[in-house]
PDB file of N, CA and C in Angstrom:
ATOM      1  N   MET A   1     -31.679  14.520  14.930  1.00  0.00           N
ATOM      2  CA  MET A   1     -30.640  14.059  14.114  1.00  0.00           C
ATOM      3  C   MET A   1     -30.659  12.429  14.205  1.00  0.00           C
ATOM      4  N   ARG A   2     -31.189  11.941  15.319  1.00  0.00           N
ATOM      5  CA  ARG A   2     -31.140  10.477  15.656  1.00  0.00           C
ATOM      6  C   ARG A   2     -32.002   9.741  14.641  1.00  0.00           C
ATOM      7  N   HIS A   3     -32.917  10.518  14.053  1.00  0.00           N
ATOM      8  CA  HIS A   3     -33.964   9.586  13.168  1.00  0.00           C
ATOM      9  C   HIS A   3     -33.248   9.730  11.796  1.00  0.00           C
ATOM     10  N   VAL A   4     -32.448  10.669  11.319  1.00  0.00           N
ATOM     11  CA  VAL A   4     -31.644  10.869  10.161  1.00  0.00           C
ATOM     12  C   VAL A   4     -30.781   9.641  10.036  1.00  0.00           C
ATOM     13  N   TYR A   5     -29.884   9.507  11.300  1.00  0.00           N
ATOM     14  CA  TYR A   5     -29.179   8.224  11.309  1.00  0.00           C
ATOM     15  C   TYR A   5     -29.787   6.823  10.949  1.00  0.00           C
ATOM     16  N   LEU A   6     -30.838   6.877  11.848  1.00  0.00           N
ATOM     17  CA  LEU A   6     -31.864   5.509  11.862  1.00  0.00           C
ATOM     18  C   LEU A   6     -32.233   5.262  10.226  1.00  0.00           C
ATOM     19  N   ILE A   7     -32.800   6.306   9.725  1.00  0.00           N
ATOM     20  CA  ILE A   7     -32.986   6.230   8.142  1.00  0.00           C
ATOM     21  C   ILE A   7     -31.826   5.766   7.452  1.00  0.00           C
ATOM     22  N   ALA A   8     -30.804   6.517   7.593  1.00  0.00           N
ATOM     23  CA  ALA A   8     -29.518   6.205   6.916  1.00  0.00           C
ATOM     24  C   ALA A   8     -28.998   4.654   7.079  1.00  0.00           C
ATOM     25  N   GLY A   9     -29.037   4.436   8.382  1.00  0.00           N
ATOM     26  CA  GLY A   9     -28.634   3.081   8.497  1.00  0.00           C
ATOM     27  C   GLY A   9     -29.485   2.100   7.984  1.00  0.00           C
ATOM     28  N   PHE A  10     -30.604   2.054   7.710  1.00  0.00           N
ATOM     29  CA  PHE A  10     -31.531   1.366   7.262  1.00  0.00           C
ATOM     30  C   PHE A  10     -31.428   1.367   5.470  1.00  0.00           C
ATOM     31  N   VAL A  11     -31.072   2.307   5.054  1.00  0.00           N
ATOM     32  CA  VAL A  11     -30.915   2.582   3.676  1.00  0.00           C
ATOM     33  C   VAL A  11     -29.446   1.787   3.436  1.00  0.00           C
ATOM     34  N   ALA A  12     -28.604   2.028   4.172  1.00  0.00           N
ATOM     35  CA  ALA A  12     -27.283   1.300   3.972  1.00  0.00           C
ATOM     36  C   ALA A  12     -27.385  -0.235   4.127  1.00  0.00           C
ATOM     37  N   LEU A  13     -28.145  -0.548   5.028  1.00  0.00           N
ATOM     38  CA  LEU A  13     -28.519  -2.122   5.435  1.00  0.00           C
ATOM     39  C   LEU A  13     -29.287  -2.854   4.093  1.00  0.00           C
ATOM     40  N   ALA A  14     -30.142  -2.009   3.529  1.00  0.00           N
ATOM     41  CA  ALA A  14     -30.888  -2.640   2.492  1.00  0.00           C
ATOM     42  C   ALA A  14     -29.778  -2.537   1.085  1.00  0.00           C
ATOM     43  N   LEU A  15     -29.042  -1.351   0.938  1.00  0.00           N
ATOM     44  CA  LEU A  15     -28.083  -1.491  -0.032  1.00  0.00           C
ATOM     45  C   LEU A  15     -27.100  -2.815   0.105  1.00  0.00           C
ATOM     46  N   GLY A  16     -26.708  -3.061   1.484  1.00  0.00           N
ATOM     47  CA  GLY A  16     -25.733  -4.106   1.733  1.00  0.00           C
ATOM     48  C   GLY A  16     -26.558  -5.412   1.381  1.00  0.00           C
ATOM     49  N   ALA A  17     -27.787  -5.556   1.725  1.00  0.00           N
ATOM     50  CA  ALA A  17     -28.672  -6.621   1.397  1.00  0.00           C
ATOM     51  C   ALA A  17     -28.772  -7.138  -0.043  1.00  0.00           C
ATOM     52  N   ILE A  18     -28.797  -6.011  -0.733  1.00  0.00           N
ATOM     53  CA  ILE A  18     -28.743  -5.994  -2.345  1.00  0.00           C
ATOM     54  C   ILE A  18     -27.367  -6.522  -2.906  1.00  0.00           C
ATOM     55  N   GLY A  19     -26.414  -5.874  -2.158  1.00  0.00           N
ATOM     56  CA  GLY A  19     -24.917  -6.386  -2.335  1.00  0.00           C
ATOM     57  C   GLY A  19     -24.618  -7.943  -2.293  1.00  0.00           C
ATOM     58  N   ALA A  20     -25.487  -8.343  -1.471  1.00  0.00           N
ATOM     59  CA  ALA A  20     -25.212  -9.817  -1.076  1.00  0.00           C
ATOM     60  C   ALA A  20     -25.618 -10.685  -1.993  1.00  0.00           C
ATOM     61  N   VAL A  21     -26.940 -10.310  -3.071  1.00  0.00           N
ATOM     62  CA  VAL A  21     -27.028 -10.978  -4.192  1.00  0.00           C
ATOM     63  C   VAL A  21     -26.617 -10.540  -5.470  1.00  0.00           C
ATOM     64  N   LEU A  22     -26.230  -9.352  -5.450  1.00  0.00           N
ATOM     65  CA  LEU A  22     -25.760  -8.778  -6.785  1.00  0.00           C
ATOM     66  C   LEU A  22     -24.099  -8.931  -6.756  1.00  0.00           C
ATOM     67  N   PRO A  23     -23.572  -9.383  -7.669  1.00  0.00           N
ATOM     68  CA  PRO A  23     -22.151  -9.494  -7.597  1.00  0.00           C
ATOM     69  C   PRO A  23     -21.115  -8.453  -7.598  1.00  0.00           C
ATOM     70  N   LEU A  24     -21.764  -7.258  -8.162  1.00  0.00           N
ATOM     71  CA  LEU A  24     -21.078  -6.121  -8.271  1.00  0.00           C
ATOM     72  C   LEU A  24     -21.305  -4.953  -7.370  1.00  0.00           C
ATOM     73  N   LEU A  25     -22.092  -5.329  -6.299  1.00  0.00           N
ATOM     74  CA  LEU A  25     -22.278  -4.102  -5.446  1.00  0.00           C
ATOM     75  C   LEU A  25     -21.920  -4.677  -4.313  1.00  0.00           C
ATOM     76  N   PRO A  26     -21.082  -4.027  -3.464  1.00  0.00           N
ATOM     77  CA  PRO A  26     -20.334  -4.293  -2.208  1.00  0.00           C
ATOM     78  C   PRO A  26     -21.388  -4.686  -1.185  1.00  0.00           C
ATOM     79  N   THR A  27     -21.093  -5.449  -0.057  1.00  0.00           N
ATOM     80  CA  THR A  27     -21.985  -5.778   0.903  1.00  0.00           C
ATOM     81  C   THR A  27     -21.219  -5.137   2.137  1.00  0.00           C
ATOM     82  N   VAL A  28     -20.275  -5.351   2.506  1.00  0.00           N
ATOM     83  CA  VAL A  28     -19.524  -5.205   3.626  1.00  0.00           C
ATOM     84  C   VAL A  28     -19.435  -3.577   3.914  1.00  0.00           C
ATOM     85  N   PRO A  29     -18.855  -2.808   2.871  1.00  0.00           N
ATOM     86  CA  PRO A  29     -18.992  -1.300   3.106  1.00  0.00           C
ATOM     87  C   PRO A  29     -20.279  -0.715   3.441  1.00  0.00           C
ATOM     88  N   PHE A  30     -21.487  -1.137   2.888  1.00  0.00           N
ATOM     89  CA  PHE A  30     -22.534  -0.775   3.459  1.00  0.00           C
ATOM     90  C   PHE A  30     -23.084  -1.072   4.878  1.00  0.00           C
ATOM     91  N   LEU A  31     -22.640  -2.276   5.226  1.00  0.00           N
ATOM     92  CA  LEU A  31     -22.908  -2.814   6.467  1.00  0.00           C
ATOM     93  C   LEU A  31     -22.145  -2.081   7.457  1.00  0.00           C
ATOM     94  N   ILE A  32     -20.908  -1.583   7.203  1.00  0.00           N
ATOM     95  CA  ILE A  32     -20.178  -0.841   8.093  1.00  0.00           C
ATOM     96  C   ILE A  32     -20.688   0.628   8.254  1.00  0.00           C
ATOM     97  N   LEU A  33     -21.420   0.980   7.121  1.00  0.00           N
ATOM     98  CA  LEU A  33     -21.827   2.316   7.285  1.00  0.00           C
ATOM     99  C   LEU A  33     -23.140   2.075   7.870  1.00  0.00           C
ATOM    100  N   ALA A  34     -23.798   1.261   8.088  1.00  0.00           N
ATOM    101  CA  ALA A  34     -24.973   0.973   8.565  1.00  0.00           C
ATOM    102  C   ALA A  34     -24.798   0.743  10.297  1.00  0.00           C
ATOM    103  N   ALA A  35     -23.694   0.094  10.425  1.00  0.00           N
ATOM    104  CA  ALA A  35     -23.341  -0.011  11.887  1.00  0.00           C
ATOM    105  C   ALA A  35     -22.745   1.547  12.525  1.00  0.00           C
ATOM    106  N   PHE A  36     -22.259   2.036  11.706  1.00  0.00           N
ATOM    107  CA  PHE A  36     -21.917   3.598  12.122  1.00  0.00           C
ATOM    108  C   PHE A  36     -23.201   4.333  12.197  1.00  0.00           C
ATOM    109  N   CYS A  37     -24.189   4.205  11.546  1.00  0.00           N
ATOM    110  CA  CYS A  37     -25.499   5.085  11.693  1.00  0.00           C
ATOM    111  C   CYS A  37     -26.346   4.614  12.812  1.00  0.00           C
ATOM    112  N   PHE A  38     -26.046   3.403  13.082  1.00  0.00           N
ATOM    113  CA  PHE A  38     -27.048   2.659  13.989  1.00  0.00           C
ATOM    114  C   PHE A  38     -26.303   2.842  15.478  1.00  0.00           C
ATOM    115  N   ALA A  39     -24.838   2.922  15.443  1.00  0.00           N
ATOM    116  CA  ALA A  39     -24.413   3.554  16.747  1.00  0.00           C
ATOM    117  C   ALA A  39     -24.932   4.692  17.121  1.00  0.00           C
ATOM    118  N   ARG A  40     -25.222   5.445  16.283  1.00  0.00           N
ATOM    119  CA  ARG A  40     -25.709   7.083  16.772  1.00  0.00           C
ATOM    120  C   ARG A  40     -27.282   7.070  16.832  1.00  0.00           C
ATOM    121  N   SER A  41     -28.128   5.875  16.460  1.00  0.00           N
ATOM    122  CA  SER A  41     -29.546   6.012  16.552  1.00  0.00           C
ATOM    123  C   SER A  41     -30.162   4.913  17.397  1.00  0.00           C
ATOM    124  N   ASN A  42     -29.480   3.631  17.307  1.00  0.00           N
ATOM    125  CA  ASN A  42     -30.140   2.503  17.600  1.00  0.00           C
ATOM    126  C   ASN A  42     -29.138   1.492  17.936  1.00  0.00           C
ATOM    127  N   PRO A  43     -28.906   1.507  19.384  1.00  0.00           N
ATOM    128  CA  PRO A  43     -27.566   0.411  19.681  1.00  0.00           C
ATOM    129  C   PRO A  43     -27.904  -1.040  19.747  1.00  0.00           C
ATOM    130  N   GLU A  44     -29.125  -1.360  19.601  1.00  0.00           N
ATOM    131  CA  GLU A  44     -29.587  -2.629  19.386  1.00  0.00           C
ATOM    132  C   GLU A  44     -29.653  -3.120  17.917  1.00  0.00           C
ATOM    133  N   PHE A  45     -29.756  -2.273  16.962  1.00  0.00           N
ATOM    134  CA  PHE A  45     -29.317  -2.562  15.690  1.00  0.00           C
ATOM    135  C   PHE A  45     -27.990  -2.789  15.475  1.00  0.00           C
ATOM    136  N   GLU A  46     -27.149  -1.757  15.933  1.00  0.00           N
ATOM    137  CA  GLU A  46     -25.768  -1.971  16.012  1.00  0.00           C
ATOM    138  C   GLU A  46     -25.191  -3.162  16.491  1.00  0.00           C
ATOM    139  N   ALA A  47     -25.616  -3.629  17.605  1.00  0.00           N
ATOM    140  CA  ALA A  47     -25.191  -4.762  18.412  1.00  0.00           C
ATOM    141  C   ALA A  47     -25.656  -6.209  17.345  1.00  0.00           C
ATOM    142  N   TYR A  48     -26.682  -6.059  16.752  1.00  0.00           N
ATOM    143  CA  TYR A  48     -27.197  -7.091  15.835  1.00  0.00           C
ATOM    144  C   TYR A  48     -26.007  -7.295  14.738  1.00  0.00           C
ATOM    145  N   LEU A  49     -25.623  -6.070  13.941  1.00  0.00           N
ATOM    146  CA  LEU A  49     -24.760  -6.174  13.053  1.00  0.00           C
ATOM    147  C   LEU A  49     -23.255  -6.599  13.697  1.00  0.00           C
ATOM    148  N   LEU A  50     -22.730  -6.066  14.596  1.00  0.00           N
ATOM    149  CA  LEU A  50     -21.699  -6.444  15.156  1.00  0.00           C
ATOM    150  C   LEU A  50     -21.556  -7.943  15.663  1.00  0.00           C
ATOM    151  N   ASP A  51     -22.532  -8.764  16.087  1.00  0.00           N
ATOM    152  CA  ASP A  51     -22.566  -9.862  16.317  1.00  0.00           C
ATOM    153  C   ASP A  51     -23.021 -10.869  15.223  1.00  0.00           C
ATOM    154  N   HIS A  52     -23.279 -10.190  13.950  1.00  0.00           N
ATOM    155  CA  HIS A  52     -23.819 -11.168  12.908  1.00  0.00           C
ATOM    156  C   HIS A  52     -22.738 -12.250  12.747  1.00  0.00           C
ATOM    157  N   PRO A  53     -23.110 -13.430  12.507  1.00  0.00           N
ATOM    158  CA  PRO A  53     -21.962 -14.439  12.347  1.00  0.00           C
ATOM    159  C   PRO A  53     -21.217 -14.412  10.951  1.00  0.00           C
ATOM    160  N   GLN A  54     -21.728 -13.855   9.712  1.00  0.00           N
ATOM    161  CA  GLN A  54     -20.941 -13.668   8.569  1.00  0.00           C
ATOM    162  C   GLN A  54     -20.115 -12.395   8.562  1.00  0.00           C
ATOM    163  N   PHE A  55     -20.862 -11.345   8.852  1.00  0.00           N
ATOM    164  CA  PHE A  55     -20.481 -10.227   8.439  1.00  0.00           C
ATOM    165  C   PHE A  55     -19.864  -9.272   9.741  1.00  0.00           C
ATOM    166  N   GLY A  56     -20.298  -9.666  11.043  1.00  0.00           N
ATOM    167  CA  GLY A  56     -19.835  -9.159  12.104  1.00  0.00           C
ATOM    168  C   GLY A  56     -18.265  -8.915  12.650  1.00  0.00           C
ATOM    169  N   GLU A  57     -17.495  -9.750  11.995  1.00  0.00           N
ATOM    170  CA  GLU A  57     -15.950  -9.886  12.177  1.00  0.00           C
ATOM    171  C   GLU A  57     -15.320  -8.616  11.374  1.00  0.00           C
ATOM    172  N   ALA A  58     -15.961  -8.615  10.060  1.00  0.00           N
ATOM    173  CA  ALA A  58     -15.473  -7.521   9.115  1.00  0.00           C
ATOM    174  C   ALA A  58     -15.640  -6.288   9.591  1.00  0.00           C
ATOM    175  N   ILE A  59     -16.802  -5.956  10.236  1.00  0.00           N
ATOM    176  CA  ILE A  59     -17.248  -4.584  10.725  1.00  0.00           C
ATOM    177  C   ILE A  59     -16.538  -4.419  11.951  1.00  0.00           C
ATOM    178  N   ARG A  60     -16.142  -5.199  12.806  1.00  0.00           N
ATOM    179  CA  ARG A  60     -15.320  -4.979  14.097  1.00  0.00           C
ATOM    180  C   ARG A  60     -13.832  -4.662  13.802  1.00  0.00           C
ATOM    181  N   THR A  61     -13.492  -5.572  12.610  1.00  0.00           N
ATOM    182  CA  THR A  61     -11.939  -5.368  12.353  1.00  0.00           C
ATOM    183  C   THR A  61     -11.793  -3.922  11.495  1.00  0.00           C
ATOM    184  N   TRP A  62     -12.723  -3.525  10.938  1.00  0.00           N
ATOM    185  CA  TRP A  62     -12.604  -2.442  10.061  1.00  0.00           C
ATOM    186  C   TRP A  62     -12.600  -1.198  11.303  1.00  0.00           C
ATOM    187  N   ARG A  63     -13.442  -1.459  12.337  1.00  0.00           N
ATOM    188  CA  ARG A  63     -13.670  -0.354  13.486  1.00  0.00           C
ATOM    189  C   ARG A  63     -12.285  -0.231  14.323  1.00  0.00           C
ATOM    190  N   THR A  64     -11.727  -1.603  14.431  1.00  0.00           N
ATOM    191  CA  THR A  64     -10.852  -1.306  15.407  1.00  0.00           C
ATOM    192  C   THR A  64      -9.242  -1.201  14.773  1.00  0.00           C
ATOM    193  N   ARG A  65      -9.127  -1.633  13.399  1.00  0.00           N
ATOM    194  CA  ARG A  65      -7.814  -1.550  13.032  1.00  0.00           C
ATOM    195  C   ARG A  65      -7.741  -1.019  11.467  1.00  0.00           C
ATOM    196  N   GLY A  66      -9.065  -0.602  11.170  1.00  0.00           N
ATOM    197  CA  GLY A  66      -9.115   0.046   9.593  1.00  0.00           C
ATOM    198  C   GLY A  66      -8.598  -1.268   8.591  1.00  0.00           C
ATOM    199  N   ALA A  67      -8.846  -2.623   8.995  1.00  0.00           N
ATOM    200  CA  ALA A  67      -8.202  -3.690   8.127  1.00  0.00           C
ATOM    201  C   ALA A  67      -9.272  -4.190   7.331  1.00  0.00           C
ATOM    202  N   ILE A  68      -9.038  -4.706   6.381  1.00  0.00           N
ATOM    203  CA  ILE A  68      -9.682  -5.498   5.142  1.00  0.00           C
ATOM    204  C   ILE A  68      -9.279  -6.827   4.974  1.00  0.00           C
ATOM    205  N   SER A  69      -9.836  -7.833   5.049  1.00  0.00           N
ATOM    206  CA  SER A  69      -9.293  -9.414   4.897  1.00  0.00           C
ATOM    207  C   SER A  69      -8.685  -9.498   3.384  1.00  0.00           C
ATOM    208  N   ARG A  70      -7.659 -10.251   3.450  1.00  0.00           N
ATOM    209  CA  ARG A  70      -6.998 -10.535   2.075  1.00  0.00           C
ATOM    210  C   ARG A  70      -8.269 -11.259   1.088  1.00  0.00           C
ATOM    211  N   LYS A  71      -9.121 -11.945   1.725  1.00  0.00           N
ATOM    212  CA  LYS A  71     -10.262 -12.625   1.038  1.00  0.00           C
ATOM    213  C   LYS A  71     -11.018 -11.516   0.332  1.00  0.00           C
ATOM    214  N   GLY A  72     -11.378 -10.467   0.980  1.00  0.00           N
ATOM    215  CA  GLY A  72     -12.164  -9.275   0.871  1.00  0.00           C
ATOM    216  C   GLY A  72     -11.427  -8.571  -0.134  1.00  0.00           C
ATOM    217  N   LYS A  73     -10.153  -8.255  -0.212  1.00  0.00           N
ATOM    218  CA  LYS A  73      -9.605  -7.470  -1.097  1.00  0.00           C
ATOM    219  C   LYS A  73      -9.395  -8.217  -2.575  1.00  0.00           C
ATOM    220  N   LYS A  74      -9.368  -9.439  -2.313  1.00  0.00           N
ATOM    221  CA  LYS A  74      -9.278 -10.335  -3.809  1.00  0.00           C
ATOM    222  C   LYS A  74     -10.549 -10.591  -4.288  1.00  0.00           C
ATOM    223  N   ALA A  75     -11.706 -10.482  -3.534  1.00  0.00           N
ATOM    224  CA  ALA A  75     -12.894 -10.371  -4.178  1.00  0.00           C
ATOM    225  C   ALA A  75     -13.353  -8.950  -4.646  1.00  0.00           C
ATOM    226  N   ALA A  76     -12.993  -8.017  -4.091  1.00  0.00           N
ATOM    227  CA  ALA A  76     -13.082  -6.529  -4.740  1.00  0.00           C
ATOM    228  C   ALA A  76     -12.396  -6.360  -5.893  1.00  0.00           C
ATOM    229  N   THR A  77     -10.990  -6.924  -5.989  1.00  0.00           N
ATOM    230  CA  THR A  77     -10.304  -6.881  -7.387  1.00  0.00           C
ATOM    231  C   THR A  77     -10.949  -7.749  -8.295  1.00  0.00           C
ATOM    232  N   ILE A  78     -11.608  -8.683  -8.143  1.00  0.00           N
ATOM    233  CA  ILE A  78     -12.320  -9.536  -9.071  1.00  0.00           C
ATOM    234  C   ILE A  78     -13.581  -8.789  -9.677  1.00  0.00           C
ATOM    235  N   ALA A  79     -14.094  -8.107  -8.593  1.00  0.00           N
ATOM    236  CA  ALA A  79     -15.624  -7.321  -9.134  1.00  0.00           C
ATOM    237  C   ALA A  79     -15.006  -6.322  -9.939  1.00  0.00           C
ATOM    238  N   PHE A  80     -14.044  -5.923  -9.473  1.00  0.00           N
ATOM    239  CA  PHE A  80     -13.458  -4.570 -10.133  1.00  0.00           C
ATOM    240  C   PHE A  80     -13.031  -5.075 -11.807  1.00  0.00           C
ATOM    241  N   GLY A  81     -12.482  -6.244 -11.953  1.00  0.00           N
ATOM    242  CA  GLY A  81     -11.995  -6.689 -13.302  1.00  0.00           C
ATOM    243  C   GLY A  81     -13.367  -7.013 -14.068  1.00  0.00           C
ATOM    244  N   ILE A  82     -14.395  -7.542 -13.405  1.00  0.00           N
ATOM    245  CA  ILE A  82     -15.789  -7.786 -14.355  1.00  0.00           C
ATOM    246  C   ILE A  82     -16.319  -6.275 -14.568  1.00  0.00           C
ATOM    247  N   SER A  83     -16.235  -5.548 -13.679  1.00  0.00           N
ATOM    248  CA  SER A  83     -16.895  -4.207 -13.882  1.00  0.00           C
ATOM    249  C   SER A  83     -16.286  -3.535 -15.132  1.00  0.00           C
ATOM    250  N   LEU A  84     -14.828  -3.626 -15.052  1.00  0.00           N
ATOM    251  CA  LEU A  84     -14.151  -2.854 -16.121  1.00  0.00           C
ATOM    252  C   LEU A  84     -14.240  -3.505 -17.383  1.00  0.00           C
ATOM    253  N   GLY A  85     -14.352  -4.793 -17.346  1.00  0.00           N
ATOM    254  CA  GLY A  85     -14.684  -5.653 -18.664  1.00  0.00           C
ATOM    255  C   GLY A  85     -16.071  -5.189 -19.134  1.00  0.00           C
ATOM    256  N   LEU A  86     -16.851  -5.090 -18.378  1.00  0.00           N
ATOM    257  CA  LEU A  86     -18.380  -4.776 -18.788  1.00  0.00           C
ATOM    258  C   LEU A  86     -18.339  -3.485 -19.501  1.00  0.00           C
ATOM    259  N   ALA A  87     -17.709  -2.417 -18.799  1.00  0.00           N
ATOM    260  CA  ALA A  87     -17.682  -1.094 -19.071  1.00  0.00           C
ATOM    261  C   ALA A  87     -16.990  -1.019 -20.473  1.00  0.00           C
ATOM    262  N   PHE A  88     -15.890  -1.819 -20.794  1.00  0.00           N
ATOM    263  CA  PHE A  88     -15.448  -1.559 -22.149  1.00  0.00           C
ATOM    264  C   PHE A  88     -16.320  -2.304 -23.162  1.00  0.00           C
ATOM    265  N   LEU A  89     -17.006  -3.355 -22.772  1.00  0.00           N
ATOM    266  CA  LEU A  89     -17.841  -3.956 -23.640  1.00  0.00           C
ATOM    267  C   LEU A  89     -19.191  -3.042 -23.949  1.00  0.00           C
ATOM    268  N   LEU A  90     -19.726  -2.405 -22.915  1.00  0.00           N
ATOM    269  CA  LEU A  90     -21.098  -1.821 -23.022  1.00  0.00           C
ATOM    270  C   LEU A  90     -21.082  -0.223 -22.976  1.00  0.00           C
ATOM    271  N   MET A  91     -19.765   0.136 -23.025  1.00  0.00           N
ATOM    272  CA  MET A  91     -20.067   1.832 -22.942  1.00  0.00           C
ATOM    273  C   MET A  91     -19.003   2.310 -24.067  1.00  0.00           C
ATOM    274  N   ASP A  92     -19.458   3.591 -24.478  1.00  0.00           N
ATOM    275  CA  ASP A  92     -18.560   4.176 -25.518  1.00  0.00           C
ATOM    276  C   ASP A  92     -17.502   5.047 -24.977  1.00  0.00           C
ATOM    277  N   MET A  93     -16.323   5.215 -25.661  1.00  0.00           N
ATOM    278  CA  MET A  93     -15.246   5.814 -25.196  1.00  0.00           C
ATOM    279  C   MET A  93     -15.729   7.289 -24.773  1.00  0.00           C
ATOM    280  N   PRO A  94     -15.379   8.171 -23.907  1.00  0.00           N
ATOM    281  CA  PRO A  94     -14.279   7.746 -23.078  1.00  0.00           C
ATOM    282  C   PRO A  94     -14.743   7.329 -21.860  1.00  0.00           C
ATOM    283  N   TRP A  95     -15.808   6.790 -21.798  1.00  0.00           N
ATOM    284  CA  TRP A  95     -16.503   6.363 -20.373  1.00  0.00           C
ATOM    285  C   TRP A  95     -15.749   5.353 -19.425  1.00  0.00           C
ATOM    286  N   PRO A  96     -15.288   4.327 -20.278  1.00  0.00           N
ATOM    287  CA  PRO A  96     -14.567   2.997 -19.580  1.00  0.00           C
ATOM    288  C   PRO A  96     -13.314   3.672 -19.166  1.00  0.00           C
ATOM    289  N   LEU A  97     -12.736   4.633 -19.791  1.00  0.00           N
ATOM    290  CA  LEU A  97     -11.496   5.257 -19.055  1.00  0.00           C
ATOM    291  C   LEU A  97     -11.857   5.778 -17.668  1.00  0.00           C
ATOM    292  N   VAL A  98     -12.898   6.386 -17.440  1.00  0.00           N
ATOM    293  CA  VAL A  98     -13.155   6.895 -16.171  1.00  0.00           C
ATOM    294  C   VAL A  98     -13.176   5.834 -15.223  1.00  0.00           C
ATOM    295  N   SER A  99     -13.840   4.865 -15.622  1.00  0.00           N
ATOM    296  CA  SER A  99     -13.878   3.277 -14.933  1.00  0.00           C
ATOM    297  C   SER A  99     -12.392   2.985 -14.408  1.00  0.00           C
ATOM    298  N   VAL A 100     -11.529   3.076 -15.292  1.00  0.00           N
ATOM    299  CA  VAL A 100     -10.261   2.707 -15.171  1.00  0.00           C
ATOM    300  C   VAL A 100      -9.646   3.718 -13.961  1.00  0.00           C
ATOM    301  N   VAL A 101      -9.996   4.829 -14.133  1.00  0.00           N
ATOM    302  CA  VAL A 101      -9.395   5.808 -12.989  1.00  0.00           C
ATOM    303  C   VAL A 101      -9.933   5.727 -11.652  1.00  0.00           C
ATOM    304  N   ALA A 102     -11.375   5.388 -11.776  1.00  0.00           N
ATOM    305  CA  ALA A 102     -11.928   5.286 -10.464  1.00  0.00           C
ATOM    306  C   ALA A 102     -11.790   3.798 -10.017  1.00  0.00           C
ATOM    307  N   ILE A 103     -11.365   2.715 -10.636  1.00  0.00           N
ATOM    308  CA  ILE A 103     -11.122   1.425 -10.044  1.00  0.00           C
ATOM    309  C   ILE A 103      -9.531   1.354  -9.643  1.00  0.00           C
ATOM    310  N   GLY A 104      -8.819   2.201 -10.299  1.00  0.00           N
ATOM    311  CA  GLY A 104      -7.472   2.274  -9.987  1.00  0.00           C
ATOM    312  C   GLY A 104      -7.291   3.029  -8.665  1.00  0.00           C
ATOM    313  N   LEU A 105      -7.938   4.101  -8.353  1.00  0.00           N
ATOM    314  CA  LEU A 105      -7.978   4.690  -7.133  1.00  0.00           C
ATOM    315  C   LEU A 105      -8.460   3.908  -5.984  1.00  0.00           C
ATOM    316  N   THR A 106      -9.628   3.499  -6.322  1.00  0.00           N
ATOM    317  CA  THR A 106     -10.257   2.679  -5.331  1.00  0.00           C
ATOM    318  C   THR A 106      -9.627   1.398  -4.915  1.00  0.00           C
ATOM    319  N   GLY A 107      -9.094   0.752  -5.903  1.00  0.00           N
ATOM    320  CA  GLY A 107      -8.369  -0.560  -5.847  1.00  0.00           C
ATOM    321  C   GLY A 107      -7.112  -0.276  -5.123  1.00  0.00           C
ATOM    322  N   THR A 108      -6.356   0.767  -5.416  1.00  0.00           N
ATOM    323  CA  THR A 108      -5.098   1.286  -4.542  1.00  0.00           C
ATOM    324  C   THR A 108      -5.416   1.392  -3.025  1.00  0.00           C
ATOM    325  N   TRP A 109      -6.450   2.155  -3.036  1.00  0.00           N
ATOM    326  CA  TRP A 109      -6.898   2.406  -1.610  1.00  0.00           C
ATOM    327  C   TRP A 109      -7.015   1.109  -0.553  1.00  0.00           C
ATOM    328  N   ILE A 110      -7.854   0.185  -1.246  1.00  0.00           N
ATOM    329  CA  ILE A 110      -8.050  -1.036  -0.687  1.00  0.00           C
ATOM    330  C   ILE A 110      -7.060  -1.919  -0.430  1.00  0.00           C
ATOM    331  N   TRP A 111      -6.108  -1.830  -1.422  1.00  0.00           N
ATOM    332  CA  TRP A 111      -4.746  -2.667  -1.063  1.00  0.00           C
ATOM    333  C   TRP A 111      -3.721  -2.231  -0.248  1.00  0.00           C
ATOM    334  N   THR A 112      -3.946  -0.717   0.017  1.00  0.00           N
ATOM    335  CA  THR A 112      -3.034  -0.152   1.127  1.00  0.00           C
ATOM    336  C   THR A 112      -3.501  -0.244   2.412  1.00  0.00           C
ATOM    337  N   ARG A 113      -4.644  -0.796   2.779  1.00  0.00           N
ATOM    338  CA  ARG A 113      -5.142  -0.831   4.082  1.00  0.00           C
ATOM    339  C   ARG A 113      -4.611  -2.068   4.511  1.00  0.00           C
ATOM    340  N   PRO A 114      -4.672  -2.088   5.815  1.00  0.00           N
ATOM    341  CA  PRO A 114      -3.988  -3.452   6.644  1.00  0.00           C
ATOM    342  C   PRO A 114      -4.890  -4.548   6.348  1.00  0.00           C
ATOM    343  N   ASP A 115      -4.160  -5.727   6.206  1.00  0.00           N
ATOM    344  CA  ASP A 115      -4.721  -7.218   6.231  1.00  0.00           C
ATOM    345  C   ASP A 115      -5.274  -7.740   7.692  1.00  0.00           C
ATOM    346  N   ALA A 116      -6.478  -8.020   7.358  1.00  0.00           N
ATOM    347  CA  ALA A 116      -7.128  -8.245   8.423  1.00  0.00           C
ATOM    348  C   ALA A 116      -6.773  -9.980   9.017  1.00  0.00           C
TER     349      ALA A 116
END
């Protein structure tokens, strides 16, 4: 099972790295997942993520308090707005409405988490 967690950790880390350059793909949730997987497979990789100067604090805050920073919440909301706009521009009905429901549920969940 350790190898499965290690592979999943690297996949999540790769998705997080892609999310760092693509504006609509989240970074921190994938890094939180990677840290979770590495905690069960490779403590050195987990420690690297927890000590990372840019993302470590967000991962530690999520682990200890289940909190998301106000800045992170605002960034997610902006990304949701852009995604929703693109959905209405590029997709045929009723698919943009599916996006409205998904964004509404996810956005509500994000904004109900404690502030970091």
